Protein backbone atom coordinates (compact mmCIF):
# COMPACT_ATOMS: atom_id res chain seq x y z
CA MET A 1 0.02 -0.02 0.03
CA THR A 2 1.27 3.50 -0.86
CA ASN A 3 2.10 5.42 2.26
CA THR A 4 0.94 8.93 3.07
CA HIS A 5 4.37 10.48 2.53
CA GLU A 6 4.51 9.13 -1.03
CA ILE A 7 1.02 10.34 -1.82
CA SER A 8 1.80 13.78 -0.41
CA LYS A 9 4.96 14.02 -2.54
CA ARG A 10 3.06 13.10 -5.69
CA PHE A 11 0.38 15.64 -4.91
CA GLU A 12 2.91 18.36 -4.41
CA THR A 13 4.67 17.49 -7.64
CA GLN A 14 1.45 17.49 -9.67
CA LEU A 15 0.24 20.74 -8.07
CA GLY A 16 3.49 22.35 -9.30
CA GLY A 17 2.23 21.74 -12.81
CA TYR A 18 -0.53 24.23 -12.15
CA LEU A 19 1.82 26.99 -10.96
CA GLN A 20 1.39 29.17 -14.05
CA THR A 21 -2.41 28.76 -13.96
CA ILE A 22 -2.52 29.72 -10.28
CA HIS A 23 -0.21 32.69 -10.94
CA ASP A 24 -2.52 33.91 -13.68
CA LEU A 25 -5.63 33.48 -11.56
CA LEU A 26 -4.05 35.32 -8.62
CA GLU A 27 -2.67 38.16 -10.75
CA GLU A 28 -5.21 40.63 -9.64
CA GLN A 29 -5.82 39.11 -6.14
CA GLU A 30 -4.21 39.90 -2.78
CA ILE A 31 -2.67 36.46 -2.23
CA ASN A 32 0.87 35.77 -3.30
CA PRO A 33 1.04 32.64 -5.57
CA GLN A 34 3.81 30.96 -3.55
CA GLN A 35 1.94 31.60 -0.32
CA PHE A 36 -1.19 30.22 -1.89
CA LEU A 37 0.64 27.04 -3.01
CA HIS A 38 2.12 26.61 0.45
CA MET A 39 -1.39 26.87 2.02
CA ALA A 40 -2.92 24.44 -0.46
CA ILE A 41 -0.17 21.83 0.04
CA ASN A 42 -0.51 21.99 3.76
CA GLN A 43 -4.24 21.75 3.66
CA ILE A 44 -4.25 18.56 1.59
CA LYS A 45 -1.22 16.96 3.24
CA ARG A 46 -2.65 17.09 6.75
CA ASN A 47 -5.97 15.61 5.79
CA LYS A 48 -5.75 11.87 5.09
CA LYS A 49 -9.27 11.81 3.53
CA LEU A 50 -8.30 14.53 1.03
CA LEU A 51 -5.13 12.60 0.19
CA SER A 52 -7.36 9.58 -0.43
CA VAL A 53 -9.55 11.57 -2.72
CA PHE A 54 -6.48 12.78 -4.59
CA GLU A 55 -5.48 9.22 -5.28
CA LYS A 56 -8.90 8.36 -6.67
CA ASN A 57 -10.10 11.65 -8.22
CA PRO A 58 -7.24 14.17 -8.54
CA ALA A 59 -9.25 16.37 -10.94
CA SER A 60 -11.70 17.30 -8.14
CA VAL A 61 -8.81 18.25 -5.79
CA PHE A 62 -7.06 20.45 -8.30
CA SER A 63 -10.36 21.97 -9.50
CA SER A 64 -11.24 22.95 -5.93
CA ILE A 65 -7.85 24.51 -5.39
CA LEU A 66 -8.02 26.40 -8.67
CA THR A 67 -11.51 27.65 -7.78
CA CYS A 68 -10.11 29.11 -4.58
CA ALA A 69 -7.44 30.90 -6.65
CA GLU A 70 -10.03 32.12 -9.18
CA PHE A 71 -11.94 33.98 -6.44
CA GLY A 72 -8.83 34.97 -4.47
CA LEU A 73 -9.74 32.79 -1.45
CA SER A 74 -7.41 31.11 0.95
CA PRO A 75 -7.57 27.29 0.59
CA THR A 76 -6.81 26.78 4.23
CA SER A 77 -9.79 26.22 6.61
CA GLN A 78 -8.30 28.42 9.37
CA MET A 79 -9.15 31.55 7.35
CA GLY A 80 -12.79 30.62 7.07
CA GLU A 81 -12.94 31.71 3.43
CA ALA A 82 -13.29 28.33 1.80
CA TRP A 83 -13.12 24.65 2.60
CA LEU A 84 -11.86 21.69 0.63
CA ILE A 85 -14.12 18.90 1.94
CA PRO A 86 -13.80 15.25 1.15
CA TYR A 87 -17.20 13.63 0.18
CA GLY A 88 -16.69 10.10 -0.88
CA ASN A 89 -14.48 10.20 -3.92
CA ASP A 90 -14.87 13.93 -4.52
CA CYS A 91 -13.16 17.05 -3.07
CA GLN A 92 -15.87 19.65 -2.70
CA PHE A 93 -15.13 23.36 -2.82
CA GLN A 94 -17.36 25.14 -0.30
CA ILE A 95 -17.19 28.88 0.18
CA GLY A 96 -17.52 30.29 3.77
CA TYR A 97 -19.15 33.45 5.06
CA GLN A 98 -15.80 35.14 5.26
CA GLY A 99 -15.11 34.20 1.61
CA LEU A 100 -18.42 35.78 0.42
CA THR A 101 -17.82 38.97 2.35
CA LYS A 102 -14.25 39.13 1.06
CA ILE A 103 -15.40 38.98 -2.51
CA LEU A 104 -18.15 41.59 -1.98
CA TYR A 105 -15.83 43.94 -0.12
CA LYS A 106 -13.63 44.18 -3.24
CA ASN A 107 -16.29 46.52 -4.66
CA PRO A 108 -15.63 50.14 -3.53
CA ASP A 109 -19.36 50.81 -3.35
CA VAL A 110 -19.77 48.34 -0.43
CA GLN A 111 -19.11 50.04 2.95
CA ASN A 112 -20.14 47.39 5.58
CA ILE A 113 -21.56 43.89 5.77
CA THR A 114 -23.11 42.42 8.92
CA ALA A 115 -25.01 39.26 9.83
CA GLU A 116 -26.67 38.57 13.16
CA CYS A 117 -28.78 35.97 14.95
CA VAL A 118 -32.03 36.93 16.55
CA TYR A 119 -33.33 35.14 19.71
CA GLU A 120 -36.82 35.08 21.09
CA ASN A 121 -36.09 37.41 24.06
CA ASP A 122 -34.35 40.04 21.90
CA GLU A 123 -36.14 43.22 20.92
CA PHE A 124 -36.53 42.84 17.18
CA GLN A 125 -38.72 44.48 14.55
CA TYR A 126 -38.52 44.95 10.87
CA SER A 127 -40.73 46.23 8.05
CA LEU A 128 -40.58 46.03 4.33
CA GLY A 129 -42.36 48.01 1.55
CA LEU A 130 -41.42 51.53 0.41
CA ASN A 131 -39.67 52.38 3.64
CA PRO A 132 -37.87 49.29 4.85
CA ASN A 133 -36.54 49.38 8.40
CA LEU A 134 -34.86 46.99 10.86
CA THR A 135 -34.30 47.38 14.63
CA HIS A 136 -32.49 44.74 16.73
CA ILE A 137 -31.60 45.21 20.45
CA PRO A 138 -30.16 41.92 21.87
CA VAL A 139 -30.57 41.15 25.54
CA ALA A 140 -27.42 40.47 27.51
CA VAL A 141 -28.45 37.11 29.02
CA ASN A 142 -31.13 34.48 28.67
CA ARG A 143 -31.80 35.36 24.99
CA GLY A 144 -33.96 32.20 24.51
CA LYS A 145 -34.32 30.20 21.29
CA LEU A 146 -32.99 31.18 17.97
CA ILE A 147 -35.87 32.56 15.82
CA ALA A 148 -34.19 34.28 12.86
CA VAL A 149 -31.01 35.41 11.15
CA TYR A 150 -30.55 38.60 9.18
CA CYS A 151 -27.87 40.18 6.97
CA VAL A 152 -27.29 43.80 6.04
CA VAL A 153 -25.17 45.33 3.37
CA ARG A 154 -24.47 49.08 3.58
CA PHE A 155 -23.39 51.11 0.59
CA ARG A 156 -21.56 54.42 0.31
CA ASN A 157 -24.03 56.06 -2.04
CA GLN A 158 -27.38 54.36 -1.60
CA ASP A 159 -29.64 52.91 1.04
CA PRO A 160 -28.67 49.64 2.81
CA ILE A 161 -30.24 46.37 1.78
CA PHE A 162 -31.14 43.64 4.31
CA LYS A 163 -32.59 40.16 4.37
CA VAL A 164 -34.31 38.45 7.31
CA MET A 165 -34.83 34.72 7.40
CA SER A 166 -36.81 32.75 10.04
CA VAL A 167 -35.63 29.48 11.34
CA GLU A 168 -38.41 27.78 9.32
CA GLU A 169 -37.10 29.38 6.10
CA LEU A 170 -33.57 28.37 6.89
CA LYS A 171 -34.67 24.75 7.45
CA GLU A 172 -36.39 24.69 4.08
CA ILE A 173 -33.09 25.55 2.48
CA GLN A 174 -31.24 23.05 4.71
CA ASN A 175 -33.53 20.27 3.34
CA LEU A 176 -32.34 21.10 -0.19
CA SER A 177 -28.74 20.63 0.85
CA LYS A 178 -26.83 17.45 0.00
CA ALA A 179 -25.89 16.85 3.68
CA GLY A 180 -29.33 17.89 5.07
CA ASN A 181 -29.68 17.19 8.79
CA ARG A 182 -26.18 15.63 8.92
CA SER A 183 -24.36 18.87 8.24
CA VAL A 184 -23.26 21.83 10.44
CA TRP A 185 -26.70 23.44 10.14
CA PHE A 186 -28.13 24.11 13.69
CA SER A 187 -25.27 22.15 15.09
CA SER A 188 -23.34 22.60 18.43
CA THR A 189 -20.16 22.61 16.27
CA ASP A 190 -21.31 25.96 14.89
CA PRO A 191 -22.38 27.86 17.99
CA GLN A 192 -22.19 31.27 16.21
CA HIS A 193 -24.35 29.93 13.37
CA TRP A 194 -22.06 30.96 10.58
CA MET A 195 -23.67 28.47 8.25
CA LEU A 196 -27.04 30.14 8.82
CA LYS A 197 -25.53 33.56 8.38
CA LYS A 198 -23.90 32.47 5.14
CA THR A 199 -27.20 31.13 3.89
CA CYS A 200 -29.01 34.39 4.66
CA PHE A 201 -26.16 36.29 3.04
CA LYS A 202 -26.50 34.24 -0.14
CA GLN A 203 -30.17 35.05 -0.33
CA LEU A 204 -29.42 38.75 0.16
CA CYS A 205 -26.93 38.62 -2.76
CA LYS A 206 -29.89 37.95 -5.04
CA LEU A 207 -31.08 41.42 -4.26
CA LEU A 208 -27.67 43.16 -4.91
CA PRO A 209 -26.99 45.25 -8.00
CA LYS A 210 -25.66 42.97 -10.82
CA HIS A 211 -22.47 44.85 -11.26
CA LEU A 212 -21.29 43.52 -7.82
CA ASN A 213 -20.76 40.22 -9.57
CA MET A 214 -21.56 37.66 -6.84
CA SER A 215 -23.56 35.29 -9.08
CA LYS A 216 -20.83 32.96 -10.28
CA VAL A 217 -19.43 32.04 -6.79
CA ILE A 218 -22.93 31.62 -5.42
CA ALA A 219 -23.96 29.40 -8.34
CA TYR A 220 -20.93 27.22 -7.72
CA ASP A 221 -21.83 26.93 -4.03
CA ASN A 222 -25.46 26.17 -4.76
CA ILE A 223 -24.60 23.32 -7.11
CA ILE A 224 -22.09 21.88 -4.70
CA GLU A 225 -24.63 21.97 -1.80
CA GLY A 226 -27.09 20.30 -4.03
CA GLY A 227 -24.74 17.33 -4.66
CA GLY A 228 -22.74 18.56 -7.65
CA ALA A 229 -19.01 17.91 -7.99
CA MET A 230 -15.81 19.81 -8.97
CA THR A 231 -13.72 18.64 -11.89
CA LEU A 232 -11.47 19.96 -14.68
CA ASP A 233 -12.48 20.44 -18.32
CA GLU A 234 -10.34 19.51 -21.36
CA GLU A 235 -8.25 22.67 -20.86
CA ASN A 236 -7.60 21.92 -17.14
CA LYS A 237 -9.99 24.73 -16.09
CA PRO A 238 -12.16 24.20 -13.00
CA ILE A 239 -15.82 23.52 -13.65
CA VAL A 240 -18.67 22.34 -11.42
CA VAL A 241 -20.96 19.58 -12.66
CA GLU A 242 -24.54 19.36 -11.40
CA ALA A 243 -25.75 16.16 -9.79
CA SER A 244 -27.60 13.98 -12.22
CA LYS A 245 -31.32 13.64 -11.46
CA PRO A 246 -32.87 10.13 -11.65
CA THR A 247 -34.85 9.61 -14.79
CA LYS A 248 -37.84 7.35 -15.33
CA SER A 249 -35.51 5.02 -17.15
CA ASN A 250 -33.06 5.00 -14.24
CA LEU A 251 -35.88 4.22 -11.81
CA PHE A 252 -37.26 1.51 -14.08
CA GLU A 253 -33.85 -0.19 -14.32
CA LYS A 254 -33.40 -0.01 -10.57
CA ALA A 255 -36.84 -1.56 -10.00
CA MET A 256 -36.03 -4.38 -12.48
CA GLU A 257 -32.74 -5.10 -10.61
CA GLU A 258 -34.59 -5.13 -7.28
CA ASP A 259 -37.22 -7.50 -8.77
CA LYS A 260 -34.49 -9.89 -9.91
CA GLY A 261 -33.22 -10.23 -6.41
CA GLU A 262 -36.57 -11.13 -4.89
CA ASP A 263 -36.25 -14.78 -5.97
CA GLU A 264 -32.99 -15.14 -4.09
CA GLU A 265 -32.94 -16.43 -0.51
CA ILE A 266 -32.15 -13.54 1.87
CA ILE A 267 -30.94 -14.22 5.35
CA VAL A 268 -31.43 -11.36 7.71
CA THR A 269 -29.94 -11.31 11.22
CA PRO A 270 -31.86 -9.73 14.18
CA GLU A 271 -29.34 -6.91 14.18
CA GLN A 272 -30.00 -6.14 10.52
CA GLU A 273 -33.76 -6.31 11.11
CA GLU A 274 -33.49 -3.53 13.64
CA LYS A 275 -32.21 -1.11 11.04
CA LYS A 276 -34.45 -0.18 8.12
CA PRO A 277 -32.90 -0.41 4.58
CA PHE A 278 -33.58 3.31 3.98
CA ASP A 279 -31.60 4.28 7.13
CA LYS A 280 -28.73 2.16 5.92
CA LEU A 281 -28.84 3.81 2.50
CA VAL A 282 -28.74 7.31 4.06
CA ASP A 283 -25.78 6.32 6.20
CA GLU A 284 -23.87 5.22 3.06
CA MET A 285 -24.83 8.28 1.12
CA TYR A 286 -23.80 10.84 3.66
CA GLN A 287 -20.40 9.76 4.97
CA GLU A 288 -19.22 13.06 6.39
CA PRO A 289 -15.68 14.06 7.43
CA ASP A 290 -14.80 13.33 11.01
CA ASN A 291 -14.76 17.01 11.87
CA GLU A 292 -17.51 19.43 10.92
CA HIS A 293 -16.80 22.92 9.72
CA ASN A 294 -18.07 26.35 10.75
CA ILE A 295 -19.00 27.92 7.45
């Protein structure tokens, strides 16, 4: 079996082949290309699952790294700008809240971006219509249950724009996510609720002026959250591929295969009987990394 050191060396060597591409992508960004390479190498080398993905599907690893470079984001998780997350045989690029704000702050028209959580004992009111307004006064202690999240973008030469999302609305979007209830959403591993703030911010971005150019990175993130995958095209440029939806033909073929197996003798142990097949299927589909991430 190939050891981790050999895999790491091979990854480092192959990543060097993308040096010019990374340099070109970072030409107008704030990150130094050599510094970026160093961060990317360390991020992959210290994660055995990502090294395993590199062995099986190197295109998804390099595509995720190049996507970080394209948007000028740090590939190391400590910065909170983007994550390279191993899902099965794929490396998934996932942008963080800090990454979204970093991209938006590049526009000189943007003055300030904030996102906050609202709890049931806070003083909170907002109104929409011709004169939108938002007031939030948090209590110091015993704030109660989380009831909403909001995000505000302030501009230099126009009125601010805000978006408020209730817990119910956030859960509706969570259900559309690939990881669903098994992700960091509403999790104790994300006590400041950065994943919820990011979700609200993404919804707010739909209301922003088009010249702020947030659509591409958000489209990438939406496809990935929906089960899509990163890869490289024929010119070694990063692309994201949407998850294939089951067709009637796929479902028919699956039903035929299941029907074939009905004539075979199936021995089920008491332990297996306790767990429903659907639960087992879900377990296999959503094999998450050992550590969750605050997005």
